[in-house]
Amino acid sequence: MKVLVTGASGYLGGRLCHALLKTGHSVRAFVRRTSDLSSLPPPTDDGSLELAYGDVTDYQSLLAACSGCRVIFHAAALVEPWLPDPSRFLKVNVGGLRNVLQAYKEIGTIEKIIYTSSFFALGSTDGDVADESQIHHGKFFCTEYEKSKAVSDKIALEAAAEGVAIVPVYPGVVYGPGKVTAGNSVAQLIIERFSGRLPGYIGKGNDKFSFCHVDDVAEGHIAALNKGQPGERYLLTGENASFVDVFDKAAALTETARPRFNIPLSIIEAYGWISVFISRITGKLPLISPPTVDVLRHQWAYSCEKAKTELDYSPRSLEEGLGEVLPWLKSLGLIKY
């Protein structure tokens, strides 16, 4: 089956393309001319992987890329906690989805859309472990990214109610081998921790997140194609833990010392403001920004039992996943232990 993958050059998109090829699908990777294609296998002579150039915000290029494809994996998104121009989140994340839905209707032969949302689209859980039934309250948003995904989620569900064969999936904090980008924040923080630039724990450790390995999430997308029901939501999350847990597990796996103190979020927020100021001068996006700290002030713990039951989704433990990530980062020379 020929499938289109938007955001194919991204962290998750690249791994998804690899997984689709392994399962026998022909992949058309939708990328921009300026994209870094290092996460993709090279195009093949037999056409099992081909490149289509364009942008999800450019409808005509997207429409042309959809031609001949039976399924769209819409994984393209801006995944950043902060950008100097926040309007880009709505343009790419909301506008891109609207264009995909329009292409689906115009072409008329696309069988299914697997839409990569985010657990941020459902909102924080703050003390509870939530599931797919949670709807974002919409009263406030920690980041413009969160807002754009919540708006997009509503659009996707409305489209499903109108008969569009769309299956939204909601990854948690995705981590694992691959690109070290904002979409792989765990790898970024581990690098900062082992370099000594992040000498302590972030906050007090009550920042529960749902961590999921990138390859498990990619497999979950394929399972959503094969078994997912249009209009049904599926959380592709994993173990609920804090970044204190991440650092402790990393220390145990590498037989190195754990951090000895906690860095208050107020200090990290001040550092974030300084980082944003520097970013506006240098043009390099900051690792920590005030919206990042707003996220850390809440919990984002989710259950993936529905995906386990209906999609046979099988996420690995955080310890097992970190056991792969740490040697990978070491092999690249990004950390030492």
Protein backbone atom coordinates (compact mmCIF):
# COMPACT_ATOMS: atom_id res chain seq x y z
CA MET A 1 0.00 0.00 0.00
CA LYS A 2 1.31 3.46 -0.88
CA VAL A 3 1.14 5.89 2.04
CA LEU A 4 2.05 9.54 2.42
CA VAL A 5 3.95 10.66 5.51
CA THR A 6 3.95 14.38 6.24
CA GLY A 7 6.73 15.57 8.51
CA ALA A 8 8.78 12.64 7.26
CA SER A 9 12.11 14.34 7.95
CA GLY A 10 11.22 14.95 11.60
CA TYR A 11 12.18 12.93 14.65
CA LEU A 12 9.06 10.77 14.79
CA GLY A 13 8.31 11.00 11.06
CA GLY A 14 11.67 9.52 10.12
CA ARG A 15 11.27 6.55 12.45
CA LEU A 16 7.72 6.05 11.17
CA CYS A 17 8.99 5.87 7.60
CA HIS A 18 11.50 3.17 8.58
CA ALA A 19 8.77 1.18 10.36
CA LEU A 20 6.37 1.46 7.42
CA LEU A 21 9.01 0.22 4.98
CA LYS A 22 9.77 -2.76 7.23
CA THR A 23 6.10 -3.74 7.17
CA GLY A 24 6.00 -3.70 3.37
CA HIS A 25 4.36 -0.36 2.66
CA SER A 26 5.51 2.00 -0.08
CA VAL A 27 6.25 5.40 1.42
CA ARG A 28 6.05 8.83 -0.13
CA ALA A 29 7.92 11.12 2.25
CA PHE A 30 6.61 14.69 2.16
CA VAL A 31 9.49 17.04 3.01
CA ARG A 32 10.55 20.63 2.46
CA ARG A 33 13.41 21.52 0.14
CA THR A 34 15.38 22.73 3.16
CA SER A 35 14.71 19.66 5.33
CA ASP A 36 17.49 17.64 6.92
CA LEU A 37 16.90 14.17 5.46
CA SER A 38 19.45 12.34 7.60
CA SER A 39 16.74 10.46 9.50
CA LEU A 40 15.34 8.95 6.29
CA PRO A 41 16.66 6.00 4.30
CA PRO A 42 17.70 6.97 0.76
CA PRO A 43 15.05 6.80 -1.98
CA THR A 44 14.91 3.38 -3.63
CA ASP A 45 14.96 2.34 -7.29
CA ASP A 46 11.87 0.18 -6.77
CA GLY A 47 9.88 3.18 -5.54
CA SER A 48 9.25 1.80 -2.06
CA LEU A 49 10.50 5.16 -0.76
CA GLU A 50 10.14 8.34 -2.77
CA LEU A 51 10.39 11.99 -1.86
CA ALA A 52 7.73 14.62 -2.51
CA TYR A 53 8.72 18.22 -1.90
CA GLY A 54 6.45 20.86 -0.47
CA ASP A 55 4.97 22.16 2.76
CA VAL A 56 1.76 21.35 4.64
CA THR A 57 0.93 25.05 4.58
CA ASP A 58 1.14 25.00 0.75
CA TYR A 59 -2.08 23.26 -0.29
CA GLN A 60 -1.19 22.61 -3.92
CA SER A 61 2.09 20.88 -3.07
CA LEU A 62 0.29 18.76 -0.46
CA LEU A 63 -2.50 17.87 -2.89
CA ALA A 64 0.03 16.75 -5.50
CA ALA A 65 1.86 14.62 -2.92
CA CYS A 66 -1.39 12.87 -1.94
CA SER A 67 -2.03 11.68 -5.50
CA GLY A 68 -1.96 7.89 -5.71
CA CYS A 69 -1.70 7.38 -1.94
CA ARG A 70 -4.33 5.39 -0.06
CA VAL A 71 -3.40 6.57 3.44
CA ILE A 72 -2.04 9.78 4.94
CA PHE A 73 0.07 9.71 8.09
CA HIS A 74 -0.09 13.35 9.12
CA ALA A 75 2.87 13.71 11.46
CA ALA A 76 4.03 17.20 10.41
CA ALA A 77 4.02 19.73 13.25
CA LEU A 78 6.01 22.46 14.89
CA VAL A 79 7.09 20.87 18.17
CA GLU A 80 8.63 23.63 20.23
CA PRO A 81 7.71 25.08 23.65
CA TRP A 82 8.52 28.61 22.44
CA LEU A 83 9.05 30.45 19.16
CA PRO A 84 9.69 34.16 18.63
CA ASP A 85 6.72 34.20 16.23
CA PRO A 86 3.91 32.25 17.98
CA SER A 87 1.58 32.60 14.99
CA ARG A 88 3.59 29.87 13.26
CA PHE A 89 2.06 27.24 15.55
CA LEU A 90 -1.45 27.90 14.28
CA LYS A 91 -0.25 28.27 10.70
CA VAL A 92 1.54 24.92 10.63
CA ASN A 93 -0.23 22.76 13.21
CA VAL A 94 -3.80 23.93 12.60
CA GLY A 95 -3.49 25.09 9.00
CA GLY A 96 -1.60 21.94 8.03
CA LEU A 97 -4.36 19.70 9.37
CA ARG A 98 -7.03 21.74 7.61
CA ASN A 99 -5.12 21.29 4.33
CA VAL A 100 -4.86 17.52 4.86
CA LEU A 101 -8.60 17.30 5.48
CA GLN A 102 -9.31 19.37 2.38
CA ALA A 103 -7.04 17.15 0.27
CA TYR A 104 -8.84 14.07 1.64
CA LYS A 105 -12.18 15.49 0.51
CA GLU A 106 -10.93 16.71 -2.87
CA ILE A 107 -9.14 13.50 -3.88
CA GLY A 108 -11.90 11.21 -2.66
CA THR A 109 -9.89 7.97 -2.78
CA ILE A 110 -7.89 8.24 0.45
CA GLU A 111 -9.00 5.49 2.79
CA LYS A 112 -7.69 6.74 6.11
CA ILE A 113 -5.84 9.56 7.87
CA ILE A 114 -3.70 8.70 10.87
CA TYR A 115 -3.28 12.03 12.62
CA THR A 116 -0.42 12.54 15.08
CA SER A 117 -1.80 14.70 17.85
CA SER A 118 -0.23 14.94 21.33
CA PHE A 119 -1.23 14.32 24.92
CA PHE A 120 -0.88 18.08 25.30
CA ALA A 121 -4.05 18.35 23.19
CA LEU A 122 -5.96 16.75 26.07
CA GLY A 123 -4.56 19.06 28.76
CA SER A 124 -2.79 18.51 32.07
CA THR A 125 -3.96 15.86 34.52
CA ASP A 126 -2.68 17.35 37.82
CA GLY A 127 -2.91 14.47 40.26
CA ASP A 128 -4.92 12.04 38.13
CA VAL A 129 -4.10 9.51 35.45
CA ALA A 130 -6.40 10.45 32.58
CA ASP A 131 -7.49 8.60 29.45
CA GLU A 132 -8.92 9.38 26.00
CA SER A 133 -12.17 10.69 27.48
CA GLN A 134 -10.46 13.85 28.75
CA ILE A 135 -11.25 17.00 26.79
CA HIS A 136 -8.99 20.04 27.13
CA HIS A 137 -10.72 22.64 29.30
CA GLY A 138 -9.40 25.42 27.07
CA LYS A 139 -9.15 27.91 29.94
CA PHE A 140 -5.40 28.34 29.76
CA PHE A 141 -2.46 26.87 27.87
CA CYS A 142 1.12 26.46 29.05
CA THR A 143 2.49 26.84 25.53
CA GLU A 144 1.32 27.99 22.13
CA TYR A 145 2.14 24.48 20.92
CA GLU A 146 -0.35 23.04 23.40
CA LYS A 147 -2.98 25.53 22.25
CA SER A 148 -2.45 24.68 18.58
CA LYS A 149 -2.76 20.94 19.25
CA ALA A 150 -5.93 21.42 21.31
CA VAL A 151 -7.49 23.47 18.50
CA SER A 152 -6.39 20.86 15.94
CA ASP A 153 -7.83 18.07 18.06
CA LYS A 154 -11.24 19.69 17.98
CA ILE A 155 -11.00 20.05 14.19
CA ALA A 156 -10.05 16.38 13.82
CA LEU A 157 -12.96 15.19 15.96
CA GLU A 158 -15.40 17.42 14.09
CA ALA A 159 -14.13 16.00 10.79
CA ALA A 160 -14.62 12.45 12.10
CA ALA A 161 -18.19 13.32 13.09
CA GLU A 162 -18.74 14.46 9.50
CA GLY A 163 -17.59 11.11 8.14
CA VAL A 164 -13.88 11.67 7.53
CA ALA A 165 -11.95 8.44 8.18
CA ILE A 166 -9.46 10.02 10.60
CA VAL A 167 -7.84 8.28 13.56
CA PRO A 168 -6.17 10.67 16.04
CA VAL A 169 -3.30 9.24 18.08
CA TYR A 170 -1.75 11.00 21.07
CA PRO A 171 1.90 10.31 21.90
CA GLY A 172 3.33 11.40 25.23
CA VAL A 173 6.91 12.58 25.78
CA VAL A 174 8.59 10.78 22.89
CA TYR A 175 12.21 9.72 23.39
CA GLY A 176 14.72 7.33 21.90
CA PRO A 177 17.42 7.19 19.23
CA GLY A 178 17.17 9.59 16.32
CA LYS A 179 17.42 13.31 15.91
CA VAL A 180 18.26 15.36 19.01
CA THR A 181 15.57 17.99 18.56
CA ALA A 182 12.82 19.62 20.62
CA GLY A 183 10.79 16.53 19.80
CA ASN A 184 13.42 14.48 21.66
CA SER A 185 13.63 16.59 24.81
CA VAL A 186 14.69 13.63 26.98
CA ALA A 187 17.90 13.21 24.99
CA GLN A 188 18.54 16.96 25.22
CA LEU A 189 18.14 16.98 29.00
CA ILE A 190 20.31 13.88 29.44
CA ILE A 191 23.06 15.60 27.44
CA GLU A 192 22.74 18.68 29.67
CA ARG A 193 22.81 16.49 32.80
CA PHE A 194 25.93 14.52 31.84
CA SER A 195 27.74 17.61 30.58
CA GLY A 196 27.36 19.24 33.99
CA ARG A 197 25.28 22.13 32.62
CA LEU A 198 22.28 20.79 34.51
CA PRO A 199 23.79 19.82 37.88
CA GLY A 200 20.56 19.18 39.80
CA TYR A 201 17.06 17.83 39.50
CA ILE A 202 14.45 19.94 37.74
CA GLY A 203 11.99 20.99 40.45
CA LYS A 204 10.86 18.61 43.19
CA GLY A 205 9.98 15.62 41.06
CA ASN A 206 6.20 15.99 41.09
CA ASP A 207 6.13 16.69 37.35
CA LYS A 208 4.67 13.39 36.15
CA PHE A 209 4.82 12.84 32.41
CA SER A 210 3.96 9.85 30.24
CA PHE A 211 7.14 8.71 28.49
CA CYS A 212 7.02 6.68 25.28
CA HIS A 213 9.77 5.25 23.10
CA VAL A 214 9.79 6.59 19.54
CA ASP A 215 9.79 3.13 17.94
CA ASP A 216 6.82 2.04 20.06
CA VAL A 217 4.96 5.15 18.94
CA ALA A 218 5.80 4.43 15.30
CA GLU A 219 4.47 0.89 15.68
CA GLY A 220 1.38 2.35 17.37
CA HIS A 221 0.74 4.47 14.28
CA ILE A 222 0.83 1.39 12.05
CA ALA A 223 -1.47 -0.44 14.46
CA ALA A 224 -3.86 2.52 14.25
CA LEU A 225 -3.88 2.05 10.47
CA ASN A 226 -4.61 -1.65 10.73
CA LYS A 227 -6.94 -1.74 13.73
CA GLY A 228 -7.89 1.81 14.70
CA GLN A 229 -11.49 2.93 14.28
CA PRO A 230 -12.12 6.32 12.65
CA GLY A 231 -13.13 8.93 15.21
CA GLU A 232 -11.69 6.93 18.10
CA ARG A 233 -8.84 8.46 20.09
CA TYR A 234 -5.81 6.40 21.08
CA LEU A 235 -3.17 7.45 23.60
CA LEU A 236 0.26 6.18 22.54
CA THR A 237 1.85 6.98 25.88
CA GLY A 238 3.83 4.85 28.30
CA GLU A 239 5.28 4.85 31.79
CA ASN A 240 4.27 7.81 33.96
CA ALA A 241 7.32 9.24 35.70
CA SER A 242 9.05 12.51 36.56
CA PHE A 243 12.31 13.89 35.26
CA VAL A 244 13.73 13.09 38.70
CA ASP A 245 12.94 9.46 37.90
CA VAL A 246 14.61 9.86 34.50
CA PHE A 247 17.80 11.21 36.05
CA ASP A 248 17.82 8.54 38.79
CA LYS A 249 17.35 5.72 36.29
CA ALA A 250 20.03 7.20 34.04
CA ALA A 251 22.43 7.34 37.00
CA ALA A 252 21.71 3.73 37.94
CA LEU A 253 22.13 2.46 34.37
CA THR A 254 25.45 4.28 33.92
CA GLU A 255 26.66 3.65 37.49
CA THR A 256 27.20 7.37 37.98
CA ALA A 257 26.20 9.63 40.85
CA ARG A 258 22.69 10.99 41.10
CA PRO A 259 22.17 14.74 41.39
CA ARG A 260 22.48 15.91 44.98
CA PHE A 261 20.04 18.81 44.97
CA ASN A 262 16.88 20.16 43.38
CA ILE A 263 16.84 23.31 41.29
CA PRO A 264 13.68 25.34 42.10
CA LEU A 265 11.45 26.04 39.14
CA SER A 266 11.69 29.76 39.90
CA ILE A 267 15.42 29.65 39.16
CA ILE A 268 14.86 27.62 36.00
CA GLU A 269 12.21 30.14 34.92
CA ALA A 270 14.65 33.02 35.40
CA TYR A 271 17.18 31.11 33.32
CA GLY A 272 14.45 30.61 30.73
CA TRP A 273 13.82 34.35 30.44
CA ILE A 274 17.54 34.95 29.96
CA SER A 275 17.64 32.18 27.33
CA VAL A 276 14.74 33.76 25.44
CA PHE A 277 16.50 37.13 25.47
CA ILE A 278 19.68 35.55 24.09
CA SER A 279 17.64 33.62 21.52
CA ARG A 280 16.15 36.82 20.12
CA ILE A 281 19.70 38.05 19.49
CA THR A 282 21.29 34.84 18.20
CA GLY A 283 18.31 33.25 16.48
CA LYS A 284 19.06 29.91 18.17
CA LEU A 285 16.03 28.46 20.00
CA PRO A 286 16.49 28.00 23.75
CA LEU A 287 16.42 24.62 25.49
CA ILE A 288 14.56 26.15 28.45
CA SER A 289 11.98 28.93 28.19
CA PRO A 290 9.23 30.22 30.54
CA PRO A 291 6.54 28.15 28.77
CA THR A 292 8.67 25.05 29.43
CA VAL A 293 8.55 25.83 33.15
CA ASP A 294 4.78 26.32 32.97
CA VAL A 295 4.54 22.78 31.60
CA LEU A 296 6.71 21.48 34.46
CA ARG A 297 4.33 23.02 37.00
CA HIS A 298 1.65 20.55 35.94
CA GLN A 299 1.28 16.80 35.61
CA TRP A 300 0.64 14.99 32.35
CA ALA A 301 0.01 11.39 33.39
CA TYR A 302 -2.01 9.28 30.99
CA SER A 303 -3.16 5.68 30.59
CA CYS A 304 -2.65 3.85 27.30
CA GLU A 305 -4.84 0.87 28.25
CA LYS A 306 -7.23 1.49 25.35
CA ALA A 307 -4.39 1.33 22.82
CA LYS A 308 -3.03 -1.79 24.49
CA THR A 309 -6.43 -3.48 24.28
CA GLU A 310 -7.62 -2.33 20.85
CA LEU A 311 -4.34 -1.85 18.97
CA ASP A 312 -2.09 -4.35 20.78
CA TYR A 313 0.13 -1.37 21.61
CA SER A 314 3.05 -2.54 23.75
CA PRO A 315 5.21 0.28 25.15
CA ARG A 316 8.51 -0.62 26.75
CA SER A 317 9.42 0.53 30.24
CA LEU A 318 11.30 3.77 30.81
CA GLU A 319 14.25 1.81 32.19
CA GLU A 320 14.41 -0.38 29.09
CA GLY A 321 14.15 2.63 26.81
CA LEU A 322 16.85 4.58 28.63
CA GLY A 323 18.99 1.46 28.46
CA GLU A 324 19.03 2.00 24.69
CA VAL A 325 19.24 5.80 24.66
CA LEU A 326 22.24 6.19 26.96
CA PRO A 327 24.66 3.95 24.99
CA TRP A 328 23.42 5.58 21.77
CA LEU A 329 24.22 9.07 23.08
CA LYS A 330 27.59 7.80 24.29
CA SER A 331 28.37 6.27 20.89
CA LEU A 332 27.76 9.68 19.30
CA GLY A 333 30.13 11.32 21.77
CA LEU A 334 27.31 13.45 23.20
CA ILE A 335 27.70 12.10 26.74
CA LYS A 336 30.47 10.39 28.70
CA TYR A 337 30.21 7.96 31.59
